[in-house]
Amino acid sequence: MATLAEKQAELVVAKDALNAARLAQSYGQGDRSLQRANLATLEAHVSRIAREVDELTAAGLGARTPFAVTATWQ
């Protein structure tokens, strides 16, 4: 399993890639063409990594089951 620092670094790289893809444009010349990356796939990738960073952060703060709500009855 990756460390929090590794996941944070991966998130930075993924966000940079997403921003670059948003700026890229599709164009063609002759028999060559370049198309924009699949933004939905990149956005899902960034969301997944961000969730993993949040879970690792929560676990580091002592959460036993990050993002799970548990009820207590008194």
PDB file of N, CA and C in Angstrom:
ATOM      1  N   MET A   1       0.840  -1.181   0.000  1.00  0.00           N
ATOM      2  CA  MET A   1       0.000   0.000   0.000  1.00  0.00           C
ATOM      3  C   MET A   1       0.888   1.249   0.000  1.00  0.00           C
ATOM      4  N   ALA A   2       0.462   2.226  -0.739  1.00  0.00           N
ATOM      5  CA  ALA A   2       1.232   3.468  -0.853  1.00  0.00           C
ATOM      6  C   ALA A   2       1.104   4.302   0.422  1.00  0.00           C
ATOM      7  N   THR A   3       2.103   5.103   0.652  1.00  0.00           N
ATOM      8  CA  THR A   3       2.077   5.998   1.804  1.00  0.00           C
ATOM      9  C   THR A   3       1.276   7.249   1.456  1.00  0.00           C
ATOM     10  N   LEU A   4       0.946   8.018   2.470  1.00  0.00           N
ATOM     11  CA  LEU A   4       0.223   9.266   2.269  1.00  0.00           C
ATOM     12  C   LEU A   4       1.020  10.207   1.371  1.00  0.00           C
ATOM     13  N   ALA A   5       2.302  10.337   1.626  1.00  0.00           N
ATOM     14  CA  ALA A   5       3.148  11.228   0.820  1.00  0.00           C
ATOM     15  C   ALA A   5       3.175  10.791  -0.648  1.00  0.00           C
ATOM     16  N   GLU A   6       3.237   9.483  -0.887  1.00  0.00           N
ATOM     17  CA  GLU A   6       3.237   8.983  -2.262  1.00  0.00           C
ATOM     18  C   GLU A   6       1.917   9.299  -2.959  1.00  0.00           C
ATOM     19  N   LYS A   7       0.818   9.106  -2.256  1.00  0.00           N
ATOM     20  CA  LYS A   7      -0.495   9.397  -2.831  1.00  0.00           C
ATOM     21  C   LYS A   7      -0.681  10.890  -3.057  1.00  0.00           C
ATOM     22  N   GLN A   8      -0.162  11.715  -2.159  1.00  0.00           N
ATOM     23  CA  GLN A   8      -0.254  13.167  -2.354  1.00  0.00           C
ATOM     24  C   GLN A   8       0.525  13.582  -3.589  1.00  0.00           C
ATOM     25  N   ALA A   9       1.700  13.002  -3.796  1.00  0.00           N
ATOM     26  CA  ALA A   9       2.501  13.305  -4.982  1.00  0.00           C
ATOM     27  C   ALA A   9       1.787  12.822  -6.243  1.00  0.00           C
ATOM     28  N   GLU A  10       1.182  11.642  -6.178  1.00  0.00           N
ATOM     29  CA  GLU A  10       0.438  11.106  -7.312  1.00  0.00           C
ATOM     30  C   GLU A  10      -0.747  12.007  -7.647  1.00  0.00           C
ATOM     31  N   LEU A  11      -1.395  12.550  -6.623  1.00  0.00           N
ATOM     32  CA  LEU A  11      -2.526  13.447  -6.836  1.00  0.00           C
ATOM     33  C   LEU A  11      -2.092  14.727  -7.547  1.00  0.00           C
ATOM     34  N   VAL A  12      -0.954  15.268  -7.169  1.00  0.00           N
ATOM     35  CA  VAL A  12      -0.434  16.472  -7.828  1.00  0.00           C
ATOM     36  C   VAL A  12      -0.183  16.197  -9.312  1.00  0.00           C
ATOM     37  N   VAL A  13       0.440  15.068  -9.610  1.00  0.00           N
ATOM     38  CA  VAL A  13       0.732  14.710 -11.004  1.00  0.00           C
ATOM     39  C   VAL A  13      -0.572  14.515 -11.778  1.00  0.00           C
ATOM     40  N   ALA A  14      -1.546  13.840 -11.174  1.00  0.00           N
ATOM     41  CA  ALA A  14      -2.822  13.593 -11.853  1.00  0.00           C
ATOM     42  C   ALA A  14      -3.570  14.891 -12.110  1.00  0.00           C
ATOM     43  N   LYS A  15      -3.549  15.805 -11.144  1.00  0.00           N
ATOM     44  CA  LYS A  15      -4.218  17.094 -11.340  1.00  0.00           C
ATOM     45  C   LYS A  15      -3.535  17.896 -12.444  1.00  0.00           C
ATOM     46  N   ASP A  16      -2.209  17.845 -12.500  1.00  0.00           N
ATOM     47  CA  ASP A  16      -1.472  18.526 -13.570  1.00  0.00           C
ATOM     48  C   ASP A  16      -1.846  17.952 -14.934  1.00  0.00           C
ATOM     49  N   ALA A  17      -1.954  16.632 -15.016  1.00  0.00           N
ATOM     50  CA  ALA A  17      -2.324  15.987 -16.275  1.00  0.00           C
ATOM     51  C   ALA A  17      -3.735  16.384 -16.685  1.00  0.00           C
ATOM     52  N   LEU A  18      -4.648  16.443 -15.725  1.00  0.00           N
ATOM     53  CA  LEU A  18      -6.018  16.841 -16.010  1.00  0.00           C
ATOM     54  C   LEU A  18      -6.071  18.284 -16.508  1.00  0.00           C
ATOM     55  N   ASN A  19      -5.345  19.166 -15.852  1.00  0.00           N
ATOM     56  CA  ASN A  19      -5.322  20.569 -16.284  1.00  0.00           C
ATOM     57  C   ASN A  19      -4.725  20.709 -17.684  1.00  0.00           C
ATOM     58  N   ALA A  20      -3.670  19.957 -17.965  1.00  0.00           N
ATOM     59  CA  ALA A  20      -3.057  19.999 -19.289  1.00  0.00           C
ATOM     60  C   ALA A  20      -4.032  19.487 -20.347  1.00  0.00           C
ATOM     61  N   ALA A  21      -4.770  18.431 -20.027  1.00  0.00           N
ATOM     62  CA  ALA A  21      -5.732  17.868 -20.975  1.00  0.00           C
ATOM     63  C   ALA A  21      -6.876  18.843 -21.234  1.00  0.00           C
ATOM     64  N   ARG A  22      -7.268  19.584 -20.208  1.00  0.00           N
ATOM     65  CA  ARG A  22      -8.341  20.564 -20.398  1.00  0.00           C
ATOM     66  C   ARG A  22      -7.913  21.682 -21.342  1.00  0.00           C
ATOM     67  N   LEU A  23      -6.631  21.996 -21.357  1.00  0.00           N
ATOM     68  CA  LEU A  23      -6.123  23.065 -22.214  1.00  0.00           C
ATOM     69  C   LEU A  23      -5.826  22.592 -23.631  1.00  0.00           C
ATOM     70  N   ALA A  24      -5.631  21.298 -23.788  1.00  0.00           N
ATOM     71  CA  ALA A  24      -5.275  20.745 -25.099  1.00  0.00           C
ATOM     72  C   ALA A  24      -6.455  20.858 -26.060  1.00  0.00           C
ATOM     73  N   GLN A  25      -6.147  20.975 -27.311  1.00  0.00           N
ATOM     74  CA  GLN A  25      -7.175  21.057 -28.338  1.00  0.00           C
ATOM     75  C   GLN A  25      -6.961  19.954 -29.354  1.00  0.00           C
ATOM     76  N   SER A  26      -8.063  19.520 -29.957  1.00  0.00           N
ATOM     77  CA  SER A  26      -7.979  18.528 -31.020  1.00  0.00           C
ATOM     78  C   SER A  26      -7.706  19.240 -32.333  1.00  0.00           C
ATOM     79  N   TYR A  27      -6.878  18.641 -33.149  1.00  0.00           N
ATOM     80  CA  TYR A  27      -6.633  19.213 -34.465  1.00  0.00           C
ATOM     81  C   TYR A  27      -6.160  18.115 -35.401  1.00  0.00           C
ATOM     82  N   GLY A  28      -6.210  18.387 -36.666  1.00  0.00           N
ATOM     83  CA  GLY A  28      -5.749  17.428 -37.653  1.00  0.00           C
ATOM     84  C   GLY A  28      -5.048  18.133 -38.792  1.00  0.00           C
ATOM     85  N   GLN A  29      -4.118  17.427 -39.389  1.00  0.00           N
ATOM     86  CA  GLN A  29      -3.400  17.969 -40.538  1.00  0.00           C
ATOM     87  C   GLN A  29      -3.035  16.779 -41.416  1.00  0.00           C
ATOM     88  N   GLY A  30      -3.594  16.765 -42.602  1.00  0.00           N
ATOM     89  CA  GLY A  30      -3.331  15.638 -43.492  1.00  0.00           C
ATOM     90  C   GLY A  30      -3.886  14.352 -42.891  1.00  0.00           C
ATOM     91  N   ASP A  31      -3.038  13.325 -42.820  1.00  0.00           N
ATOM     92  CA  ASP A  31      -3.482  12.056 -42.257  1.00  0.00           C
ATOM     93  C   ASP A  31      -3.138  11.925 -40.776  1.00  0.00           C
ATOM     94  N   ARG A  32      -2.697  13.001 -40.163  1.00  0.00           N
ATOM     95  CA  ARG A  32      -2.354  12.989 -38.736  1.00  0.00           C
ATOM     96  C   ARG A  32      -3.388  13.770 -37.939  1.00  0.00           C
ATOM     97  N   SER A  33      -3.654  13.289 -36.758  1.00  0.00           N
ATOM     98  CA  SER A  33      -4.594  14.007 -35.896  1.00  0.00           C
ATOM     99  C   SER A  33      -4.225  13.801 -34.435  1.00  0.00           C
ATOM    100  N   LEU A  34      -4.623  14.763 -33.650  1.00  0.00           N
ATOM    101  CA  LEU A  34      -4.414  14.697 -32.202  1.00  0.00           C
ATOM    102  C   LEU A  34      -5.749  15.002 -31.560  1.00  0.00           C
ATOM    103  N   GLN A  35      -6.161  14.158 -30.628  1.00  0.00           N
ATOM    104  CA  GLN A  35      -7.452  14.362 -29.985  1.00  0.00           C
ATOM    105  C   GLN A  35      -7.268  14.562 -28.497  1.00  0.00           C
ATOM    106  N   ARG A  36      -8.184  15.315 -27.930  1.00  0.00           N
ATOM    107  CA  ARG A  36      -8.178  15.583 -26.505  1.00  0.00           C
ATOM    108  C   ARG A  36      -8.319  14.276 -25.721  1.00  0.00           C
ATOM    109  N   ALA A  37      -7.621  14.213 -24.620  1.00  0.00           N
ATOM    110  CA  ALA A  37      -7.706  13.033 -23.752  1.00  0.00           C
ATOM    111  C   ALA A  37      -9.126  12.907 -23.206  1.00  0.00           C
ATOM    112  N   ASN A  38      -9.493  11.735 -22.796  1.00  0.00           N
ATOM    113  CA  ASN A  38     -10.816  11.506 -22.227  1.00  0.00           C
ATOM    114  C   ASN A  38     -10.882  12.166 -20.850  1.00  0.00           C
ATOM    115  N   LEU A  39     -11.492  13.344 -20.788  1.00  0.00           N
ATOM    116  CA  LEU A  39     -11.534  14.106 -19.542  1.00  0.00           C
ATOM    117  C   LEU A  39     -12.287  13.369 -18.438  1.00  0.00           C
ATOM    118  N   ALA A  40     -13.341  12.655 -18.790  1.00  0.00           N
ATOM    119  CA  ALA A  40     -14.109  11.931 -17.771  1.00  0.00           C
ATOM    120  C   ALA A  40     -13.233  10.884 -17.083  1.00  0.00           C
ATOM    121  N   THR A  41     -12.405  10.206 -17.858  1.00  0.00           N
ATOM    122  CA  THR A  41     -11.510   9.198 -17.281  1.00  0.00           C
ATOM    123  C   THR A  41     -10.479   9.849 -16.373  1.00  0.00           C
ATOM    124  N   LEU A  42      -9.902  10.970 -16.815  1.00  0.00           N
ATOM    125  CA  LEU A  42      -8.920  11.672 -15.991  1.00  0.00           C
ATOM    126  C   LEU A  42      -9.555  12.224 -14.716  1.00  0.00           C
ATOM    127  N   GLU A  43     -10.772  12.768 -14.827  1.00  0.00           N
ATOM    128  CA  GLU A  43     -11.461  13.295 -13.647  1.00  0.00           C
ATOM    129  C   GLU A  43     -11.751  12.186 -12.640  1.00  0.00           C
ATOM    130  N   ALA A  44     -12.155  11.026 -13.122  1.00  0.00           N
ATOM    131  CA  ALA A  44     -12.418   9.887 -12.236  1.00  0.00           C
ATOM    132  C   ALA A  44     -11.129   9.443 -11.549  1.00  0.00           C
ATOM    133  N   HIS A  45     -10.032   9.462 -12.282  1.00  0.00           N
ATOM    134  CA  HIS A  45      -8.728   9.080 -11.722  1.00  0.00           C
ATOM    135  C   HIS A  45      -8.328  10.050 -10.608  1.00  0.00           C
ATOM    136  N   VAL A  46      -8.485  11.348 -10.863  1.00  0.00           N
ATOM    137  CA  VAL A  46      -8.153  12.361  -9.853  1.00  0.00           C
ATOM    138  C   VAL A  46      -9.046  12.191  -8.630  1.00  0.00           C
ATOM    139  N   SER A  47     -10.330  11.941  -8.841  1.00  0.00           N
ATOM    140  CA  SER A  47     -11.254  11.749  -7.710  1.00  0.00           C
ATOM    141  C   SER A  47     -10.869  10.534  -6.873  1.00  0.00           C
ATOM    142  N   ARG A  48     -10.484   9.450  -7.553  1.00  0.00           N
ATOM    143  CA  ARG A  48     -10.100   8.234  -6.822  1.00  0.00           C
ATOM    144  C   ARG A  48      -8.858   8.481  -5.975  1.00  0.00           C
ATOM    145  N   ILE A  49      -7.868   9.154  -6.546  1.00  0.00           N
ATOM    146  CA  ILE A  49      -6.641   9.422  -5.798  1.00  0.00           C
ATOM    147  C   ILE A  49      -6.928  10.376  -4.638  1.00  0.00           C
ATOM    148  N   ALA A  50      -7.763  11.383  -4.866  1.00  0.00           N
ATOM    149  CA  ALA A  50      -8.114  12.327  -3.803  1.00  0.00           C
ATOM    150  C   ALA A  50      -8.813  11.597  -2.651  1.00  0.00           C
ATOM    151  N   ARG A  51      -9.688  10.647  -2.982  1.00  0.00           N
ATOM    152  CA  ARG A  51     -10.369   9.858  -1.957  1.00  0.00           C
ATOM    153  C   ARG A  51      -9.365   9.017  -1.168  1.00  0.00           C
ATOM    154  N   GLU A  52      -8.395   8.425  -1.876  1.00  0.00           N
ATOM    155  CA  GLU A  52      -7.378   7.630  -1.191  1.00  0.00           C
ATOM    156  C   GLU A  52      -6.528   8.498  -0.264  1.00  0.00           C
ATOM    157  N   VAL A  53      -6.202   9.718  -0.703  1.00  0.00           N
ATOM    158  CA  VAL A  53      -5.452  10.650   0.143  1.00  0.00           C
ATOM    159  C   VAL A  53      -6.272  10.974   1.393  1.00  0.00           C
ATOM    160  N   ASP A  54      -7.570  11.249   1.211  1.00  0.00           N
ATOM    161  CA  ASP A  54      -8.437  11.545   2.356  1.00  0.00           C
ATOM    162  C   ASP A  54      -8.514  10.365   3.324  1.00  0.00           C
ATOM    163  N   GLU A  55      -8.620   9.158   2.787  1.00  0.00           N
ATOM    164  CA  GLU A  55      -8.695   7.967   3.638  1.00  0.00           C
ATOM    165  C   GLU A  55      -7.396   7.753   4.412  1.00  0.00           C
ATOM    166  N   LEU A  56      -6.259   7.926   3.729  1.00  0.00           N
ATOM    167  CA  LEU A  56      -4.972   7.766   4.414  1.00  0.00           C
ATOM    168  C   LEU A  56      -4.784   8.843   5.478  1.00  0.00           C
ATOM    169  N   THR A  57      -5.237  10.059   5.201  1.00  0.00           N
ATOM    170  CA  THR A  57      -5.155  11.137   6.183  1.00  0.00           C
ATOM    171  C   THR A  57      -6.012  10.807   7.401  1.00  0.00           C
ATOM    172  N   ALA A  58      -7.230  10.354   7.152  1.00  0.00           N
ATOM    173  CA  ALA A  58      -8.129   9.993   8.253  1.00  0.00           C
ATOM    174  C   ALA A  58      -7.555   8.843   9.072  1.00  0.00           C
ATOM    175  N   ALA A  59      -6.986   7.857   8.384  1.00  0.00           N
ATOM    176  CA  ALA A  59      -6.389   6.725   9.096  1.00  0.00           C
ATOM    177  C   ALA A  59      -5.209   7.196   9.943  1.00  0.00           C
ATOM    178  N   GLY A  60      -4.440   8.152   9.411  1.00  0.00           N
ATOM    179  CA  GLY A  60      -3.310   8.694  10.156  1.00  0.00           C
ATOM    180  C   GLY A  60      -3.735   9.463  11.389  1.00  0.00           C
ATOM    181  N   LEU A  61      -4.962   9.970  11.359  1.00  0.00           N
ATOM    182  CA  LEU A  61      -5.497  10.703  12.513  1.00  0.00           C
ATOM    183  C   LEU A  61      -6.223   9.788  13.490  1.00  0.00           C
ATOM    184  N   GLY A  62      -6.211   8.489  13.202  1.00  0.00           N
ATOM    185  CA  GLY A  62      -6.770   7.535  14.143  1.00  0.00           C
ATOM    186  C   GLY A  62      -8.104   6.939  13.763  1.00  0.00           C
ATOM    187  N   ALA A  63      -8.644   7.277  12.619  1.00  0.00           N
ATOM    188  CA  ALA A  63      -9.926   6.709  12.204  1.00  0.00           C
ATOM    189  C   ALA A  63      -9.741   5.226  11.887  1.00  0.00           C
ATOM    190  N   ARG A  64     -10.617   4.426  12.419  1.00  0.00           N
ATOM    191  CA  ARG A  64     -10.520   2.979  12.154  1.00  0.00           C
ATOM    192  C   ARG A  64     -11.171   2.630  10.834  1.00  0.00           C
ATOM    193  N   THR A  65     -12.259   3.288  10.525  1.00  0.00           N
ATOM    194  CA  THR A  65     -12.947   3.063   9.251  1.00  0.00           C
ATOM    195  C   THR A  65     -13.251   4.427   8.638  1.00  0.00           C
ATOM    196  N   PRO A  66     -12.303   4.988   7.930  1.00  0.00           N
ATOM    197  CA  PRO A  66     -12.515   6.306   7.325  1.00  0.00           C
ATOM    198  C   PRO A  66     -13.762   6.341   6.448  1.00  0.00           C
ATOM    199  N   PHE A  67     -14.512   7.404   6.554  1.00  0.00           N
ATOM    200  CA  PHE A  67     -15.724   7.649   5.770  1.00  0.00           C
ATOM    201  C   PHE A  67     -16.858   6.692   6.088  1.00  0.00           C
ATOM    202  N   ALA A  68     -16.777   5.982   7.181  1.00  0.00           N
ATOM    203  CA  ALA A  68     -17.883   5.133   7.604  1.00  0.00           C
ATOM    204  C   ALA A  68     -18.516   5.774   8.829  1.00  0.00           C
ATOM    205  N   VAL A  69     -19.810   5.909   8.786  1.00  0.00           N
ATOM    206  CA  VAL A  69     -20.524   6.509   9.904  1.00  0.00           C
ATOM    207  C   VAL A  69     -20.979   5.392  10.826  1.00  0.00           C
ATOM    208  N   THR A  70     -20.669   5.539  12.073  1.00  0.00           N
ATOM    209  CA  THR A  70     -21.110   4.532  13.038  1.00  0.00           C
ATOM    210  C   THR A  70     -21.990   5.210  14.064  1.00  0.00           C
ATOM    211  N   ALA A  71     -23.032   4.521  14.439  1.00  0.00           N
ATOM    212  CA  ALA A  71     -23.979   5.069  15.422  1.00  0.00           C
ATOM    213  C   ALA A  71     -23.673   4.492  16.789  1.00  0.00           C
ATOM    214  N   THR A  72     -23.858   5.294  17.796  1.00  0.00           N
ATOM    215  CA  THR A  72     -23.737   4.813  19.180  1.00  0.00           C
ATOM    216  C   THR A  72     -25.026   5.132  19.888  1.00  0.00           C
ATOM    217  N   TRP A  73     -25.497   4.182  20.635  1.00  0.00           N
ATOM    218  CA  TRP A  73     -26.758   4.345  21.364  1.00  0.00           C
ATOM    219  C   TRP A  73     -26.464   4.406  22.844  1.00  0.00           C
ATOM    220  N   GLN A  74     -27.072   5.340  23.501  1.00  0.00           N
ATOM    221  CA  GLN A  74     -26.853   5.463  24.941  1.00  0.00           C
ATOM    222  C   GLN A  74     -28.134   5.271  25.701  1.00  0.00           C
TER     223      GLN A  74
END
